[in-house]
Amino acid sequence: MYIDLGDTKVTETMTITEEQLHYLDALRDSGIVNMFGAGSHIQDEFGVTRHDANRILNHWMETYSERHE
């Protein structure tokens, strides 16, 4: 998240773990869910908010190819 406060900029950061990425890899491999709908699985598995689950999923999608070269 980026918040513009004039000359001050605040960036919200979060840590995405290898465990979360491996979980999503396994979920994809299982074929249980279309990965665009995986957010609720992330919420249930890791106890994160819907917003954070979507951030984790977006990161996983954006980095999938480079992590599986």
N, C-alpha and C. Protein backbone atom coordinates (compact mmCIF):
# COMPACT_ATOMS: atom_id res chain seq x y z
N MET A 1 0.85 -1.16 0.00
CA MET A 1 0.00 0.00 0.00
C MET A 1 0.90 1.22 0.00
N TYR A 2 0.56 2.21 -0.77
CA TYR A 2 1.30 3.46 -0.85
C TYR A 2 0.38 4.59 -0.43
N ILE A 3 0.83 5.37 0.52
CA ILE A 3 0.04 6.49 1.00
C ILE A 3 0.83 7.76 0.76
N ASP A 4 0.25 8.71 0.04
CA ASP A 4 0.93 9.97 -0.24
C ASP A 4 0.50 10.99 0.80
N LEU A 5 1.45 11.43 1.60
CA LEU A 5 1.19 12.44 2.62
C LEU A 5 2.00 13.69 2.30
N GLY A 6 1.89 14.16 1.08
CA GLY A 6 2.68 15.32 0.66
C GLY A 6 4.11 14.90 0.45
N ASP A 7 5.02 15.47 1.24
CA ASP A 7 6.44 15.14 1.12
C ASP A 7 6.81 13.85 1.84
N THR A 8 5.88 13.32 2.62
CA THR A 8 6.14 12.09 3.36
C THR A 8 5.45 10.93 2.66
N LYS A 9 6.19 9.83 2.50
CA LYS A 9 5.63 8.64 1.87
C LYS A 9 5.74 7.49 2.85
N VAL A 10 4.66 6.76 3.00
CA VAL A 10 4.64 5.61 3.89
C VAL A 10 4.29 4.38 3.06
N THR A 11 5.08 3.35 3.19
CA THR A 11 4.83 2.10 2.47
C THR A 11 4.57 1.01 3.49
N GLU A 12 3.44 0.33 3.32
CA GLU A 12 3.12 -0.81 4.18
C GLU A 12 3.83 -2.03 3.60
N THR A 13 4.55 -2.73 4.43
CA THR A 13 5.24 -3.93 3.97
C THR A 13 4.77 -5.13 4.77
N MET A 14 4.93 -6.27 4.19
CA MET A 14 4.64 -7.51 4.89
C MET A 14 5.63 -8.55 4.40
N THR A 15 5.83 -9.56 5.19
CA THR A 15 6.74 -10.64 4.82
C THR A 15 5.93 -11.79 4.24
N ILE A 16 6.33 -12.22 3.07
CA ILE A 16 5.74 -13.40 2.45
C ILE A 16 6.75 -14.52 2.62
N THR A 17 6.31 -15.61 3.21
CA THR A 17 7.24 -16.68 3.58
C THR A 17 7.35 -17.75 2.50
N GLU A 18 8.44 -18.48 2.57
CA GLU A 18 8.62 -19.64 1.69
C GLU A 18 7.52 -20.66 1.95
N GLU A 19 7.12 -20.79 3.21
CA GLU A 19 6.04 -21.72 3.56
C GLU A 19 4.76 -21.39 2.79
N GLN A 20 4.44 -20.10 2.71
CA GLN A 20 3.24 -19.69 1.97
C GLN A 20 3.38 -19.99 0.49
N LEU A 21 4.55 -19.73 -0.07
CA LEU A 21 4.77 -19.99 -1.49
C LEU A 21 4.72 -21.49 -1.79
N HIS A 22 5.31 -22.30 -0.91
CA HIS A 22 5.27 -23.76 -1.10
C HIS A 22 3.84 -24.27 -0.97
N TYR A 23 3.08 -23.71 -0.03
CA TYR A 23 1.68 -24.08 0.13
C TYR A 23 0.92 -23.83 -1.17
N LEU A 24 1.13 -22.66 -1.77
CA LEU A 24 0.43 -22.33 -3.01
C LEU A 24 0.88 -23.21 -4.16
N ASP A 25 2.17 -23.55 -4.20
CA ASP A 25 2.65 -24.49 -5.22
C ASP A 25 1.92 -25.83 -5.09
N ALA A 26 1.82 -26.32 -3.86
CA ALA A 26 1.15 -27.60 -3.62
C ALA A 26 -0.34 -27.52 -3.93
N LEU A 27 -0.95 -26.40 -3.58
CA LEU A 27 -2.37 -26.20 -3.89
C LEU A 27 -2.60 -26.23 -5.39
N ARG A 28 -1.74 -25.56 -6.13
CA ARG A 28 -1.84 -25.56 -7.59
C ARG A 28 -1.68 -26.97 -8.14
N ASP A 29 -0.65 -27.66 -7.65
CA ASP A 29 -0.38 -29.02 -8.14
C ASP A 29 -1.52 -29.98 -7.83
N SER A 30 -2.25 -29.72 -6.74
CA SER A 30 -3.35 -30.60 -6.35
C SER A 30 -4.54 -30.49 -7.29
N GLY A 31 -4.70 -29.35 -7.93
CA GLY A 31 -5.83 -29.13 -8.82
C GLY A 31 -7.15 -28.91 -8.09
N ILE A 32 -7.09 -28.73 -6.79
CA ILE A 32 -8.30 -28.56 -5.98
C ILE A 32 -9.05 -27.27 -6.32
N VAL A 33 -8.30 -26.23 -6.66
CA VAL A 33 -8.91 -24.92 -6.83
C VAL A 33 -8.26 -24.18 -7.99
N ASN A 34 -9.06 -23.37 -8.67
CA ASN A 34 -8.51 -22.43 -9.62
C ASN A 34 -7.75 -21.40 -8.80
N MET A 35 -6.50 -21.14 -9.14
CA MET A 35 -5.66 -20.30 -8.30
C MET A 35 -6.17 -18.87 -8.15
N PHE A 36 -6.99 -18.40 -9.06
CA PHE A 36 -7.57 -17.07 -8.88
C PHE A 36 -8.53 -17.03 -7.69
N GLY A 37 -8.97 -18.19 -7.23
CA GLY A 37 -9.85 -18.28 -6.07
C GLY A 37 -9.15 -18.79 -4.82
N ALA A 38 -7.83 -18.76 -4.81
CA ALA A 38 -7.07 -19.34 -3.70
C ALA A 38 -7.00 -18.45 -2.47
N GLY A 39 -7.46 -17.22 -2.56
CA GLY A 39 -7.36 -16.30 -1.43
C GLY A 39 -7.99 -16.83 -0.15
N SER A 40 -9.16 -17.43 -0.26
CA SER A 40 -9.82 -17.94 0.95
C SER A 40 -9.04 -19.11 1.56
N HIS A 41 -8.36 -19.89 0.74
CA HIS A 41 -7.53 -20.98 1.25
C HIS A 41 -6.34 -20.41 2.03
N ILE A 42 -5.77 -19.33 1.52
CA ILE A 42 -4.65 -18.68 2.21
C ILE A 42 -5.12 -18.13 3.55
N GLN A 43 -6.28 -17.48 3.56
CA GLN A 43 -6.84 -16.96 4.80
C GLN A 43 -7.00 -18.06 5.84
N ASP A 44 -7.60 -19.17 5.42
CA ASP A 44 -7.85 -20.29 6.33
C ASP A 44 -6.56 -20.92 6.84
N GLU A 45 -5.60 -21.10 5.94
CA GLU A 45 -4.36 -21.80 6.29
C GLU A 45 -3.44 -20.95 7.17
N PHE A 46 -3.38 -19.64 6.90
CA PHE A 46 -2.39 -18.80 7.58
C PHE A 46 -3.00 -17.75 8.50
N GLY A 47 -4.31 -17.69 8.57
CA GLY A 47 -4.95 -16.75 9.48
C GLY A 47 -4.69 -15.29 9.17
N VAL A 48 -4.64 -14.97 7.87
CA VAL A 48 -4.39 -13.59 7.45
C VAL A 48 -5.68 -12.96 6.94
N THR A 49 -5.67 -11.66 6.80
CA THR A 49 -6.83 -10.95 6.29
C THR A 49 -7.01 -11.22 4.80
N ARG A 50 -8.17 -10.90 4.29
CA ARG A 50 -8.43 -11.05 2.85
C ARG A 50 -7.45 -10.20 2.04
N HIS A 51 -7.20 -9.00 2.51
CA HIS A 51 -6.25 -8.10 1.84
C HIS A 51 -4.86 -8.73 1.76
N ASP A 52 -4.36 -9.23 2.89
CA ASP A 52 -3.04 -9.85 2.90
C ASP A 52 -3.01 -11.14 2.09
N ALA A 53 -4.08 -11.91 2.13
CA ALA A 53 -4.15 -13.13 1.32
C ALA A 53 -4.03 -12.79 -0.16
N ASN A 54 -4.68 -11.73 -0.58
CA ASN A 54 -4.58 -11.32 -1.98
C ASN A 54 -3.18 -10.83 -2.33
N ARG A 55 -2.52 -10.16 -1.40
CA ARG A 55 -1.14 -9.72 -1.64
C ARG A 55 -0.21 -10.92 -1.77
N ILE A 56 -0.39 -11.92 -0.91
CA ILE A 56 0.41 -13.14 -0.99
C ILE A 56 0.17 -13.84 -2.32
N LEU A 57 -1.09 -13.98 -2.70
CA LEU A 57 -1.43 -14.64 -3.96
C LEU A 57 -0.87 -13.89 -5.16
N ASN A 58 -0.98 -12.58 -5.15
CA ASN A 58 -0.44 -11.77 -6.25
C ASN A 58 1.07 -11.95 -6.36
N HIS A 59 1.76 -11.95 -5.22
CA HIS A 59 3.21 -12.16 -5.24
C HIS A 59 3.54 -13.54 -5.80
N TRP A 60 2.80 -14.55 -5.36
CA TRP A 60 3.03 -15.91 -5.85
C TRP A 60 2.86 -15.96 -7.37
N MET A 61 1.80 -15.34 -7.87
CA MET A 61 1.54 -15.34 -9.31
C MET A 61 2.62 -14.59 -10.08
N GLU A 62 3.04 -13.46 -9.55
CA GLU A 62 4.04 -12.64 -10.24
C GLU A 62 5.42 -13.29 -10.26
N THR A 63 5.72 -14.13 -9.29
CA THR A 63 7.05 -14.73 -9.19
C THR A 63 7.08 -16.20 -9.56
N TYR A 64 5.96 -16.76 -9.95
CA TYR A 64 5.88 -18.20 -10.22
C TYR A 64 6.91 -18.64 -11.26
N SER A 65 6.96 -17.97 -12.39
CA SER A 65 7.87 -18.39 -13.48
C SER A 65 9.32 -18.36 -13.06
N GLU A 66 9.73 -17.30 -12.41
CA GLU A 66 11.14 -17.21 -12.02
C GLU A 66 11.51 -18.20 -10.92
N ARG A 67 10.55 -18.59 -10.10
CA ARG A 67 10.82 -19.57 -9.06
C ARG A 67 10.80 -20.99 -9.60
N HIS A 68 10.30 -21.19 -10.81
CA HIS A 68 10.20 -22.55 -11.39
C HIS A 68 10.92 -22.66 -12.73
N GLU A 69 12.04 -22.01 -12.84
CA GLU A 69 12.82 -22.08 -14.08
C GLU A 69 13.57 -23.38 -14.19
